[in-house]
Amino acid sequence: MADVLEITQDNFQSVVLENPHPVLVDFWAEWCGPCRTIAPVVEQIATERAGTLVVGKLDVDKHGTIAAHYGVQGIPFLGLFENGQLTHQAVGAMPKAQLEKQLGLTQ
């Protein structure tokens, strides 16, 4: 099973912005019900795409500055970063196929 990384203020630059692989960031909070609902889908994507996609979670309560920088107003907010840029995003809990389509992950 692939690891879902904890993304923080301290490692955001290296894990997300400087990563040679695409990075899926799940902006979430402990109190967010829809965030808990979509967590298994995020973990499944991490497992299925291990080696080609880095997946991490960023707690917006602890690292709100980063969330604000990317205009996160509702969670769960899932952002796909490629070459240090936010290229795709999805907001809210949704089925895996819909999430992958919104994030541009479908082949």
N, C-alpha and C. Protein backbone atom coordinates (compact mmCIF):
# COMPACT_ATOMS: atom_id res chain seq x y z
N MET A 1 0.84 -1.18 0.00
CA MET A 1 0.00 0.00 0.00
C MET A 1 0.89 1.25 0.00
N ALA A 2 0.53 2.20 -0.81
CA ALA A 2 1.30 3.44 -0.92
C ALA A 2 1.03 4.33 0.30
N ASP A 3 2.02 5.08 0.66
CA ASP A 3 1.88 6.00 1.78
C ASP A 3 1.21 7.30 1.31
N VAL A 4 0.35 7.82 2.16
CA VAL A 4 -0.19 9.15 1.96
C VAL A 4 0.60 10.04 2.91
N LEU A 5 1.36 10.96 2.36
CA LEU A 5 2.26 11.79 3.14
C LEU A 5 1.52 12.88 3.90
N GLU A 6 2.07 13.26 5.05
CA GLU A 6 1.56 14.43 5.75
C GLU A 6 2.31 15.63 5.20
N ILE A 7 1.57 16.55 4.64
CA ILE A 7 2.18 17.76 4.07
C ILE A 7 2.00 18.89 5.07
N THR A 8 3.10 19.59 5.33
CA THR A 8 3.11 20.66 6.32
C THR A 8 3.73 21.92 5.72
N GLN A 9 3.69 22.97 6.50
CA GLN A 9 4.35 24.22 6.11
C GLN A 9 5.84 23.97 5.85
N ASP A 10 6.44 23.08 6.65
CA ASP A 10 7.88 22.83 6.56
C ASP A 10 8.28 22.03 5.32
N ASN A 11 7.42 21.13 4.84
CA ASN A 11 7.83 20.29 3.71
C ASN A 11 7.07 20.58 2.42
N PHE A 12 6.16 21.54 2.40
CA PHE A 12 5.36 21.83 1.21
C PHE A 12 6.24 22.14 0.00
N GLN A 13 7.24 22.97 0.19
CA GLN A 13 8.13 23.35 -0.91
C GLN A 13 8.78 22.13 -1.54
N SER A 14 9.38 21.27 -0.72
CA SER A 14 10.12 20.12 -1.26
C SER A 14 9.20 19.00 -1.74
N VAL A 15 8.14 18.71 -1.00
CA VAL A 15 7.27 17.59 -1.36
C VAL A 15 6.35 17.94 -2.53
N VAL A 16 5.83 19.15 -2.56
CA VAL A 16 4.83 19.51 -3.57
C VAL A 16 5.43 20.32 -4.72
N LEU A 17 6.04 21.44 -4.41
CA LEU A 17 6.47 22.37 -5.46
C LEU A 17 7.71 21.92 -6.21
N GLU A 18 8.61 21.20 -5.56
CA GLU A 18 9.86 20.80 -6.21
C GLU A 18 9.87 19.33 -6.62
N ASN A 19 8.75 18.64 -6.49
CA ASN A 19 8.70 17.21 -6.80
C ASN A 19 8.68 16.99 -8.30
N PRO A 20 9.49 16.07 -8.82
CA PRO A 20 9.47 15.79 -10.26
C PRO A 20 8.21 15.04 -10.69
N HIS A 21 7.51 14.43 -9.74
CA HIS A 21 6.27 13.71 -10.03
C HIS A 21 5.07 14.60 -9.77
N PRO A 22 3.94 14.33 -10.41
CA PRO A 22 2.71 15.04 -10.03
C PRO A 22 2.38 14.73 -8.57
N VAL A 23 1.79 15.70 -7.89
CA VAL A 23 1.45 15.55 -6.48
C VAL A 23 -0.02 15.90 -6.28
N LEU A 24 -0.76 14.96 -5.70
CA LEU A 24 -2.16 15.20 -5.34
C LEU A 24 -2.20 15.59 -3.86
N VAL A 25 -2.72 16.78 -3.59
CA VAL A 25 -2.80 17.26 -2.21
C VAL A 25 -4.26 17.31 -1.79
N ASP A 26 -4.55 16.60 -0.70
CA ASP A 26 -5.88 16.59 -0.10
C ASP A 26 -5.88 17.61 1.03
N PHE A 27 -6.51 18.76 0.80
CA PHE A 27 -6.66 19.79 1.83
C PHE A 27 -7.86 19.38 2.67
N TRP A 28 -7.66 19.13 3.96
CA TRP A 28 -8.71 18.56 4.80
C TRP A 28 -8.63 19.12 6.21
N ALA A 29 -9.59 18.72 7.05
CA ALA A 29 -9.58 19.05 8.48
C ALA A 29 -10.22 17.89 9.24
N GLU A 30 -9.78 17.72 10.47
CA GLU A 30 -10.26 16.63 11.33
C GLU A 30 -11.78 16.65 11.50
N TRP A 31 -12.37 17.83 11.62
CA TRP A 31 -13.79 17.98 11.90
C TRP A 31 -14.67 17.84 10.66
N CYS A 32 -14.08 17.70 9.50
CA CYS A 32 -14.81 17.72 8.21
C CYS A 32 -15.32 16.32 7.85
N GLY A 33 -16.63 16.13 7.91
CA GLY A 33 -17.24 14.84 7.57
C GLY A 33 -16.96 14.40 6.14
N PRO A 34 -17.19 15.27 5.14
CA PRO A 34 -16.90 14.88 3.76
C PRO A 34 -15.42 14.53 3.53
N CYS A 35 -14.53 15.15 4.32
CA CYS A 35 -13.10 14.82 4.22
C CYS A 35 -12.86 13.37 4.64
N ARG A 36 -13.53 12.95 5.70
CA ARG A 36 -13.40 11.55 6.14
C ARG A 36 -14.03 10.60 5.13
N THR A 37 -15.11 11.05 4.48
CA THR A 37 -15.78 10.22 3.48
C THR A 37 -14.88 9.95 2.28
N ILE A 38 -14.14 10.96 1.84
CA ILE A 38 -13.32 10.81 0.63
C ILE A 38 -11.93 10.24 0.92
N ALA A 39 -11.54 10.17 2.19
CA ALA A 39 -10.20 9.68 2.55
C ALA A 39 -9.89 8.30 1.97
N PRO A 40 -10.80 7.32 2.03
CA PRO A 40 -10.48 6.01 1.44
C PRO A 40 -10.27 6.07 -0.08
N VAL A 41 -10.96 6.98 -0.75
CA VAL A 41 -10.78 7.15 -2.20
C VAL A 41 -9.38 7.70 -2.48
N VAL A 42 -8.96 8.67 -1.68
CA VAL A 42 -7.62 9.25 -1.84
C VAL A 42 -6.56 8.17 -1.59
N GLU A 43 -6.76 7.37 -0.57
CA GLU A 43 -5.82 6.28 -0.28
C GLU A 43 -5.78 5.26 -1.40
N GLN A 44 -6.93 4.96 -2.00
CA GLN A 44 -6.98 4.02 -3.12
C GLN A 44 -6.21 4.57 -4.33
N ILE A 45 -6.39 5.85 -4.62
CA ILE A 45 -5.65 6.48 -5.72
C ILE A 45 -4.15 6.42 -5.43
N ALA A 46 -3.75 6.67 -4.19
CA ALA A 46 -2.32 6.61 -3.81
C ALA A 46 -1.77 5.22 -4.07
N THR A 47 -2.52 4.19 -3.72
CA THR A 47 -2.07 2.81 -3.91
C THR A 47 -1.98 2.46 -5.40
N GLU A 48 -3.02 2.81 -6.14
CA GLU A 48 -3.07 2.46 -7.56
C GLU A 48 -2.02 3.19 -8.39
N ARG A 49 -1.64 4.38 -7.97
CA ARG A 49 -0.72 5.20 -8.76
C ARG A 49 0.65 5.37 -8.11
N ALA A 50 0.96 4.47 -7.18
CA ALA A 50 2.27 4.51 -6.52
C ALA A 50 3.37 4.47 -7.56
N GLY A 51 4.36 5.34 -7.40
CA GLY A 51 5.47 5.40 -8.34
C GLY A 51 5.30 6.44 -9.43
N THR A 52 4.05 6.83 -9.71
CA THR A 52 3.81 7.85 -10.74
C THR A 52 3.13 9.09 -10.19
N LEU A 53 2.53 8.97 -8.99
CA LEU A 53 1.81 10.08 -8.38
C LEU A 53 2.11 10.08 -6.89
N VAL A 54 2.50 11.23 -6.36
CA VAL A 54 2.70 11.40 -4.93
C VAL A 54 1.39 11.93 -4.36
N VAL A 55 0.95 11.36 -3.23
CA VAL A 55 -0.31 11.78 -2.62
C VAL A 55 -0.04 12.20 -1.18
N GLY A 56 -0.59 13.34 -0.81
CA GLY A 56 -0.42 13.84 0.54
C GLY A 56 -1.64 14.55 1.05
N LYS A 57 -1.69 14.73 2.37
CA LYS A 57 -2.79 15.42 3.04
C LYS A 57 -2.23 16.63 3.77
N LEU A 58 -2.94 17.74 3.65
CA LEU A 58 -2.56 18.97 4.33
C LEU A 58 -3.71 19.42 5.21
N ASP A 59 -3.49 19.49 6.50
CA ASP A 59 -4.52 19.91 7.46
C ASP A 59 -4.66 21.44 7.39
N VAL A 60 -5.82 21.91 6.94
CA VAL A 60 -6.00 23.35 6.75
C VAL A 60 -6.06 24.11 8.07
N ASP A 61 -6.41 23.43 9.16
CA ASP A 61 -6.42 24.11 10.46
C ASP A 61 -5.00 24.39 10.95
N LYS A 62 -4.07 23.51 10.63
CA LYS A 62 -2.69 23.67 11.07
C LYS A 62 -1.86 24.49 10.07
N HIS A 63 -2.24 24.45 8.79
CA HIS A 63 -1.44 25.09 7.73
C HIS A 63 -2.33 25.95 6.83
N GLY A 64 -3.11 26.81 7.47
CA GLY A 64 -4.07 27.64 6.76
C GLY A 64 -3.46 28.63 5.78
N THR A 65 -2.22 29.02 6.02
CA THR A 65 -1.56 29.96 5.11
C THR A 65 -1.44 29.37 3.70
N ILE A 66 -1.07 28.10 3.63
CA ILE A 66 -0.94 27.44 2.33
C ILE A 66 -2.31 27.33 1.67
N ALA A 67 -3.30 26.91 2.44
CA ALA A 67 -4.66 26.77 1.90
C ALA A 67 -5.15 28.12 1.36
N ALA A 68 -4.93 29.18 2.11
CA ALA A 68 -5.36 30.51 1.68
C ALA A 68 -4.63 30.93 0.40
N HIS A 69 -3.35 30.61 0.30
CA HIS A 69 -2.57 30.97 -0.88
C HIS A 69 -3.17 30.38 -2.15
N TYR A 70 -3.74 29.18 -2.05
CA TYR A 70 -4.32 28.51 -3.22
C TYR A 70 -5.84 28.70 -3.32
N GLY A 71 -6.38 29.60 -2.52
CA GLY A 71 -7.79 29.94 -2.62
C GLY A 71 -8.74 28.86 -2.14
N VAL A 72 -8.28 28.03 -1.23
CA VAL A 72 -9.13 26.97 -0.70
C VAL A 72 -10.18 27.59 0.21
N GLN A 73 -11.44 27.47 -0.18
CA GLN A 73 -12.53 28.02 0.62
C GLN A 73 -13.46 26.93 1.13
N GLY A 74 -13.47 25.79 0.48
CA GLY A 74 -14.29 24.67 0.91
C GLY A 74 -13.45 23.41 0.91
N ILE A 75 -13.73 22.51 1.86
CA ILE A 75 -12.99 21.26 1.92
C ILE A 75 -13.98 20.10 1.95
N PRO A 76 -13.59 18.95 1.47
CA PRO A 76 -12.26 18.63 0.96
C PRO A 76 -11.99 19.32 -0.37
N PHE A 77 -10.78 19.81 -0.49
CA PHE A 77 -10.28 20.43 -1.72
C PHE A 77 -9.10 19.58 -2.14
N LEU A 78 -9.17 19.01 -3.33
CA LEU A 78 -8.07 18.19 -3.82
C LEU A 78 -7.43 18.91 -4.99
N GLY A 79 -6.13 19.13 -4.87
CA GLY A 79 -5.40 19.85 -5.90
C GLY A 79 -4.31 18.98 -6.49
N LEU A 80 -4.21 18.98 -7.81
CA LEU A 80 -3.13 18.27 -8.50
C LEU A 80 -2.08 19.30 -8.90
N PHE A 81 -0.87 19.10 -8.41
CA PHE A 81 0.25 19.98 -8.71
C PHE A 81 1.19 19.28 -9.68
N GLU A 82 1.54 19.97 -10.75
CA GLU A 82 2.49 19.44 -11.72
C GLU A 82 3.53 20.53 -11.98
N ASN A 83 4.79 20.15 -11.85
CA ASN A 83 5.89 21.10 -12.02
C ASN A 83 5.71 22.35 -11.15
N GLY A 84 5.23 22.13 -9.92
CA GLY A 84 5.09 23.22 -8.97
C GLY A 84 3.86 24.09 -9.15
N GLN A 85 3.00 23.75 -10.10
CA GLN A 85 1.81 24.55 -10.38
C GLN A 85 0.54 23.76 -10.09
N LEU A 86 -0.47 24.42 -9.53
CA LEU A 86 -1.77 23.80 -9.34
C LEU A 86 -2.45 23.74 -10.70
N THR A 87 -2.63 22.53 -11.24
CA THR A 87 -3.16 22.38 -12.59
C THR A 87 -4.61 21.93 -12.63
N HIS A 88 -5.05 21.17 -11.64
CA HIS A 88 -6.43 20.69 -11.58
C HIS A 88 -6.89 20.73 -10.13
N GLN A 89 -8.20 20.85 -9.95
CA GLN A 89 -8.73 20.83 -8.59
C GLN A 89 -10.14 20.27 -8.57
N ALA A 90 -10.51 19.75 -7.43
CA ALA A 90 -11.86 19.23 -7.20
C ALA A 90 -12.25 19.59 -5.77
N VAL A 91 -13.50 19.95 -5.59
CA VAL A 91 -13.98 20.33 -4.26
C VAL A 91 -15.17 19.44 -3.90
N GLY A 92 -15.13 18.88 -2.69
CA GLY A 92 -16.23 18.07 -2.19
C GLY A 92 -15.98 16.59 -2.35
N ALA A 93 -16.74 15.81 -1.59
CA ALA A 93 -16.65 14.36 -1.68
C ALA A 93 -17.40 13.90 -2.92
N MET A 94 -16.80 12.95 -3.65
CA MET A 94 -17.40 12.45 -4.88
C MET A 94 -16.87 11.06 -5.16
N PRO A 95 -17.54 10.32 -6.03
CA PRO A 95 -17.03 8.99 -6.38
C PRO A 95 -15.65 9.08 -7.04
N LYS A 96 -14.91 7.99 -6.94
CA LYS A 96 -13.53 7.95 -7.44
C LYS A 96 -13.45 8.32 -8.92
N ALA A 97 -14.32 7.77 -9.75
CA ALA A 97 -14.26 8.04 -11.20
C ALA A 97 -14.45 9.53 -11.48
N GLN A 98 -15.38 10.16 -10.79
CA GLN A 98 -15.62 11.59 -10.98
C GLN A 98 -14.43 12.41 -10.49
N LEU A 99 -13.86 12.02 -9.37
CA LEU A 99 -12.70 12.72 -8.83
C LEU A 99 -11.52 12.64 -9.80
N GLU A 100 -11.25 11.44 -10.30
CA GLU A 100 -10.14 11.27 -11.24
C GLU A 100 -10.36 12.08 -12.51
N LYS A 101 -11.60 12.15 -12.98
CA LYS A 101 -11.90 12.94 -14.18
C LYS A 101 -11.65 14.42 -13.93
N GLN A 102 -12.13 14.95 -12.80
CA GLN A 102 -11.94 16.37 -12.49
C GLN A 102 -10.46 16.72 -12.32
N LEU A 103 -9.68 15.75 -11.83
CA LEU A 103 -8.26 16.00 -11.60
C LEU A 103 -7.40 15.69 -12.82
N GLY A 104 -8.04 15.29 -13.92
CA GLY A 104 -7.29 15.00 -15.14
C GLY A 104 -6.45 13.73 -15.04
N LEU A 105 -6.89 12.78 -14.19
CA LEU A 105 -6.12 11.55 -13.98
C LEU A 105 -6.62 10.39 -14.84
N THR A 106 -7.69 10.59 -15.57
CA THR A 106 -8.21 9.49 -16.39
C THR A 106 -7.43 9.39 -17.69
N GLN A 107 -7.25 8.15 -18.15
CA GLN A 107 -6.51 7.93 -19.38
C GLN A 107 -7.44 7.99 -20.58
